[in-house]
Amino acid sequence: MDKRQTIIDLEKILDKKVKTYEIINDNDNFINLKKSIEGFLNNYNLDKDVVIEYTNNESVSFIKTDEGLILILHNSILLSTQNGISLRFYPHSKDGLELCFDFNKISFEVNKNKIMLLNTFFDFVREVLNKVPTIFIREIDFEYNT
């Protein structure tokens, strides 16, 4: 990811100056999850009508402040269902994970799928890491994926 070009692109898109940026490197827990996601999903017992796909990519998220944007450059794993429900997670700190998920209520069916996706995420983390590390939840204003 060309960080300078990403910053220029986002400043144009959002019409805001970037104050600073932070690069979050993959921690050991995230690396282990990244290596194990495909095998886990292939063997995970889901309802036959539910398909969970994943993508692994570089992401840029940001925090808006009065002084400008703080960009966060990090890798991510996106879990999504065929009906558009998604959950994205990133490495955070030495061994934590950061979770981005839309917690707004929409309908019973959508919420049922959100709960199923959250359960899948936590089952995956527990199975691969034999524990659930510290999970940070942050609302993201905008995300730019490469």
C-alpha atoms as a PDB file:
ATOM      1  CA  MET A   1       0.000   0.000   0.000  1.00  0.00           C
ATOM      2  CA  ASP A   2       1.486   3.373  -1.027  1.00  0.00           C
ATOM      3  CA  LYS A   3       0.772   5.338   2.157  1.00  0.00           C
ATOM      4  CA  ARG A   4       1.433   8.774   0.650  1.00  0.00           C
ATOM      5  CA  GLN A   5      -0.955   8.169  -2.264  1.00  0.00           C
ATOM      6  CA  THR A   6      -3.591   6.706   0.060  1.00  0.00           C
ATOM      7  CA  ILE A   7      -3.454   9.834   2.215  1.00  0.00           C
ATOM      8  CA  ILE A   8      -3.743  12.107  -0.840  1.00  0.00           C
ATOM      9  CA  ASP A   9      -6.689  10.087  -2.193  1.00  0.00           C
ATOM     10  CA  LEU A  10      -8.549  10.166   1.119  1.00  0.00           C
ATOM     11  CA  GLU A  11      -7.991  13.890   1.603  1.00  0.00           C
ATOM     12  CA  LYS A  12      -9.585  14.453  -1.822  1.00  0.00           C
ATOM     13  CA  ILE A  13     -12.493  12.072  -1.193  1.00  0.00           C
ATOM     14  CA  LEU A  14     -13.293  13.427   2.270  1.00  0.00           C
ATOM     15  CA  ASP A  15     -12.265  17.045   1.710  1.00  0.00           C
ATOM     16  CA  LYS A  16     -10.388  16.988   5.039  1.00  0.00           C
ATOM     17  CA  LYS A  17      -6.710  17.202   5.936  1.00  0.00           C
ATOM     18  CA  VAL A  18      -4.944  14.228   7.479  1.00  0.00           C
ATOM     19  CA  LYS A  19      -3.474  15.206  10.839  1.00  0.00           C
ATOM     20  CA  THR A  20      -1.463  12.047  11.367  1.00  0.00           C
ATOM     21  CA  TYR A  21      -1.487   8.348  10.635  1.00  0.00           C
ATOM     22  CA  GLU A  22      -0.830   5.204  12.581  1.00  0.00           C
ATOM     23  CA  ILE A  23       0.377   1.888  11.208  1.00  0.00           C
ATOM     24  CA  ILE A  24      -0.848  -1.182  13.075  1.00  0.00           C
ATOM     25  CA  ASN A  25       1.254  -4.265  12.379  1.00  0.00           C
ATOM     26  CA  ASP A  26      -0.172  -7.768  12.520  1.00  0.00           C
ATOM     27  CA  ASN A  27       0.180  -9.291  15.982  1.00  0.00           C
ATOM     28  CA  ASP A  28       0.645 -13.026  16.612  1.00  0.00           C
ATOM     29  CA  ASN A  29      -3.055 -13.624  17.305  1.00  0.00           C
ATOM     30  CA  PHE A  30      -4.102 -11.941  14.058  1.00  0.00           C
ATOM     31  CA  ILE A  31      -1.452 -13.862  12.086  1.00  0.00           C
ATOM     32  CA  ASN A  32      -2.718 -17.170  13.513  1.00  0.00           C
ATOM     33  CA  LEU A  33      -6.319 -16.253  12.696  1.00  0.00           C
ATOM     34  CA  LYS A  34      -5.367 -15.189   9.173  1.00  0.00           C
ATOM     35  CA  LYS A  35      -3.652 -18.548   8.580  1.00  0.00           C
ATOM     36  CA  SER A  36      -6.621 -20.528   9.934  1.00  0.00           C
ATOM     37  CA  ILE A  37      -9.722 -18.765   8.578  1.00  0.00           C
ATOM     38  CA  GLU A  38     -10.196 -20.783   5.407  1.00  0.00           C
ATOM     39  CA  GLY A  39      -9.882 -24.182   7.091  1.00  0.00           C
ATOM     40  CA  PHE A  40     -12.181 -23.122   9.917  1.00  0.00           C
ATOM     41  CA  LEU A  41     -14.948 -21.915   7.607  1.00  0.00           C
ATOM     42  CA  ASN A  42     -14.682 -25.042   5.455  1.00  0.00           C
ATOM     43  CA  ASN A  43     -15.381 -27.196   8.519  1.00  0.00           C
ATOM     44  CA  TYR A  44     -17.744 -24.920  10.451  1.00  0.00           C
ATOM     45  CA  ASN A  45     -21.247 -26.330  10.867  1.00  0.00           C
ATOM     46  CA  LEU A  46     -23.581 -23.664   9.485  1.00  0.00           C
ATOM     47  CA  ASP A  47     -27.135 -23.755   8.277  1.00  0.00           C
ATOM     48  CA  LYS A  48     -26.978 -24.873   4.623  1.00  0.00           C
ATOM     49  CA  ASP A  49     -28.594 -21.605   3.499  1.00  0.00           C
ATOM     50  CA  VAL A  50     -25.914 -19.493   5.179  1.00  0.00           C
ATOM     51  CA  VAL A  51     -22.650 -18.883   3.397  1.00  0.00           C
ATOM     52  CA  ILE A  52     -19.851 -16.997   5.103  1.00  0.00           C
ATOM     53  CA  GLU A  53     -17.095 -15.683   2.905  1.00  0.00           C
ATOM     54  CA  TYR A  54     -13.956 -13.874   3.921  1.00  0.00           C
ATOM     55  CA  THR A  55     -11.490 -11.475   2.385  1.00  0.00           C
ATOM     56  CA  ASN A  56      -8.102 -10.569   3.707  1.00  0.00           C
ATOM     57  CA  ASN A  57      -6.857  -7.128   2.694  1.00  0.00           C
ATOM     58  CA  GLU A  58      -5.123  -3.927   3.674  1.00  0.00           C
ATOM     59  CA  SER A  59      -7.503  -1.348   5.100  1.00  0.00           C
ATOM     60  CA  VAL A  60      -7.430   2.282   6.003  1.00  0.00           C
ATOM     61  CA  SER A  61      -9.876   3.502   8.601  1.00  0.00           C
ATOM     62  CA  PHE A  62      -9.896   6.853  10.301  1.00  0.00           C
ATOM     63  CA  ILE A  63     -10.994   8.821  13.296  1.00  0.00           C
ATOM     64  CA  LYS A  64     -12.363  12.349  12.804  1.00  0.00           C
ATOM     65  CA  THR A  65     -11.019  15.025  15.140  1.00  0.00           C
ATOM     66  CA  ASP A  66     -11.441  18.817  15.146  1.00  0.00           C
ATOM     67  CA  GLU A  67      -7.833  19.150  13.974  1.00  0.00           C
ATOM     68  CA  GLY A  68      -8.182  16.691  11.089  1.00  0.00           C
ATOM     69  CA  LEU A  69      -8.227  12.988  10.368  1.00  0.00           C
ATOM     70  CA  ILE A  70      -6.191  10.307  12.064  1.00  0.00           C
ATOM     71  CA  LEU A  71      -5.665   7.517   9.547  1.00  0.00           C
ATOM     72  CA  ILE A  72      -5.154   3.966  10.712  1.00  0.00           C
ATOM     73  CA  LEU A  73      -3.436   1.643   8.249  1.00  0.00           C
ATOM     74  CA  HIS A  74      -3.832  -2.042   9.055  1.00  0.00           C
ATOM     75  CA  ASN A  75      -4.675  -5.437   7.642  1.00  0.00           C
ATOM     76  CA  SER A  76      -8.150  -6.783   8.117  1.00  0.00           C
ATOM     77  CA  ILE A  77     -10.285  -9.861   7.709  1.00  0.00           C
ATOM     78  CA  LEU A  78     -13.855  -9.356   6.560  1.00  0.00           C
ATOM     79  CA  LEU A  79     -16.488 -11.988   7.269  1.00  0.00           C
ATOM     80  CA  SER A  80     -19.683 -11.488   5.309  1.00  0.00           C
ATOM     81  CA  THR A  81     -22.889 -13.340   4.582  1.00  0.00           C
ATOM     82  CA  GLN A  82     -24.593 -13.636   1.215  1.00  0.00           C
ATOM     83  CA  ASN A  83     -27.244 -11.122   2.331  1.00  0.00           C
ATOM     84  CA  GLY A  84     -24.699  -8.369   3.026  1.00  0.00           C
ATOM     85  CA  ILE A  85     -24.170  -8.630   6.780  1.00  0.00           C
ATOM     86  CA  SER A  86     -20.494  -8.158   7.555  1.00  0.00           C
ATOM     87  CA  LEU A  87     -18.019  -8.061  10.395  1.00  0.00           C
ATOM     88  CA  ARG A  88     -14.441  -6.858   9.999  1.00  0.00           C
ATOM     89  CA  PHE A  89     -11.605  -7.357  12.439  1.00  0.00           C
ATOM     90  CA  TYR A  90      -8.060  -6.061  12.686  1.00  0.00           C
ATOM     91  CA  PRO A  91      -4.975  -6.562  14.832  1.00  0.00           C
ATOM     92  CA  HIS A  92      -4.882  -4.256  17.863  1.00  0.00           C
ATOM     93  CA  SER A  93      -2.099  -3.675  20.371  1.00  0.00           C
ATOM     94  CA  LYS A  94       0.304  -6.474  21.292  1.00  0.00           C
ATOM     95  CA  ASP A  95      -2.232  -9.314  21.182  1.00  0.00           C
ATOM     96  CA  GLY A  96      -5.711  -7.778  20.943  1.00  0.00           C
ATOM     97  CA  LEU A  97      -8.220  -7.608  18.127  1.00  0.00           C
ATOM     98  CA  GLU A  98     -10.348  -4.719  16.977  1.00  0.00           C
ATOM     99  CA  LEU A  99     -13.876  -5.421  15.834  1.00  0.00           C
ATOM    100  CA  CYS A 100     -15.948  -3.307  13.452  1.00  0.00           C
ATOM    101  CA  PHE A 101     -19.582  -4.283  13.287  1.00  0.00           C
ATOM    102  CA  ASP A 102     -22.842  -2.449  12.696  1.00  0.00           C
ATOM    103  CA  PHE A 103     -24.832  -2.885  15.893  1.00  0.00           C
ATOM    104  CA  ASN A 104     -27.886  -0.928  14.705  1.00  0.00           C
ATOM    105  CA  LYS A 105     -31.204  -2.761  14.802  1.00  0.00           C
ATOM    106  CA  ILE A 106     -32.800  -3.203  11.413  1.00  0.00           C
ATOM    107  CA  SER A 107     -35.083  -6.233  11.476  1.00  0.00           C
ATOM    108  CA  PHE A 108     -35.402  -9.543  13.270  1.00  0.00           C
ATOM    109  CA  GLU A 109     -33.985 -11.479  10.302  1.00  0.00           C
ATOM    110  CA  VAL A 110     -31.000  -9.147   9.903  1.00  0.00           C
ATOM    111  CA  ASN A 111     -30.297  -9.212  13.637  1.00  0.00           C
ATOM    112  CA  LYS A 112     -30.493 -13.019  13.622  1.00  0.00           C
ATOM    113  CA  ASN A 113     -27.821 -13.057  10.919  1.00  0.00           C
ATOM    114  CA  LYS A 114     -25.692 -10.556  12.848  1.00  0.00           C
ATOM    115  CA  ILE A 115     -25.822 -12.749  15.940  1.00  0.00           C
ATOM    116  CA  MET A 116     -24.925 -15.797  13.839  1.00  0.00           C
ATOM    117  CA  LEU A 117     -21.930 -13.930  12.396  1.00  0.00           C
ATOM    118  CA  LEU A 118     -20.778 -12.780  15.848  1.00  0.00           C
ATOM    119  CA  ASN A 119     -21.098 -16.339  17.171  1.00  0.00           C
ATOM    120  CA  THR A 120     -19.059 -17.604  14.233  1.00  0.00           C
ATOM    121  CA  PHE A 121     -16.372 -14.996  14.912  1.00  0.00           C
ATOM    122  CA  PHE A 122     -16.083 -15.893  18.605  1.00  0.00           C
ATOM    123  CA  ASP A 123     -16.164 -19.648  17.882  1.00  0.00           C
ATOM    124  CA  PHE A 124     -13.355 -19.113  15.363  1.00  0.00           C
ATOM    125  CA  VAL A 125     -11.235 -17.058  17.760  1.00  0.00           C
ATOM    126  CA  ARG A 126     -11.719 -19.549  20.623  1.00  0.00           C
ATOM    127  CA  GLU A 127     -10.925 -22.553  18.442  1.00  0.00           C
ATOM    128  CA  VAL A 128      -7.772 -21.116  16.900  1.00  0.00           C
ATOM    129  CA  LEU A 129      -6.359 -19.235  19.894  1.00  0.00           C
ATOM    130  CA  ASN A 130      -7.831 -21.364  22.716  1.00  0.00           C
ATOM    131  CA  LYS A 131      -8.897 -18.089  24.334  1.00  0.00           C
ATOM    132  CA  VAL A 132     -10.582 -14.817  23.487  1.00  0.00           C
ATOM    133  CA  PRO A 133      -8.028 -11.990  23.628  1.00  0.00           C
ATOM    134  CA  THR A 134      -8.968  -8.441  24.498  1.00  0.00           C
ATOM    135  CA  ILE A 135     -11.469  -7.203  21.915  1.00  0.00           C
ATOM    136  CA  PHE A 136     -11.672  -3.486  21.144  1.00  0.00           C
ATOM    137  CA  ILE A 137     -14.830  -2.197  19.478  1.00  0.00           C
ATOM    138  CA  ARG A 138     -14.646   1.054  17.563  1.00  0.00           C
ATOM    139  CA  GLU A 139     -17.101   2.754  15.322  1.00  0.00           C
ATOM    140  CA  ILE A 140     -15.396   3.570  12.054  1.00  0.00           C
ATOM    141  CA  ASP A 141     -16.501   6.632  10.122  1.00  0.00           C
ATOM    142  CA  PHE A 142     -15.172   5.465   6.785  1.00  0.00           C
ATOM    143  CA  GLU A 143     -13.056   2.665   5.421  1.00  0.00           C
ATOM    144  CA  TYR A 144     -10.899   2.464   2.324  1.00  0.00           C
ATOM    145  CA  ASN A 145      -9.740  -0.992   1.249  1.00  0.00           C
ATOM    146  CA  THR A 146      -6.940  -1.730  -1.153  1.00  0.00           C
END
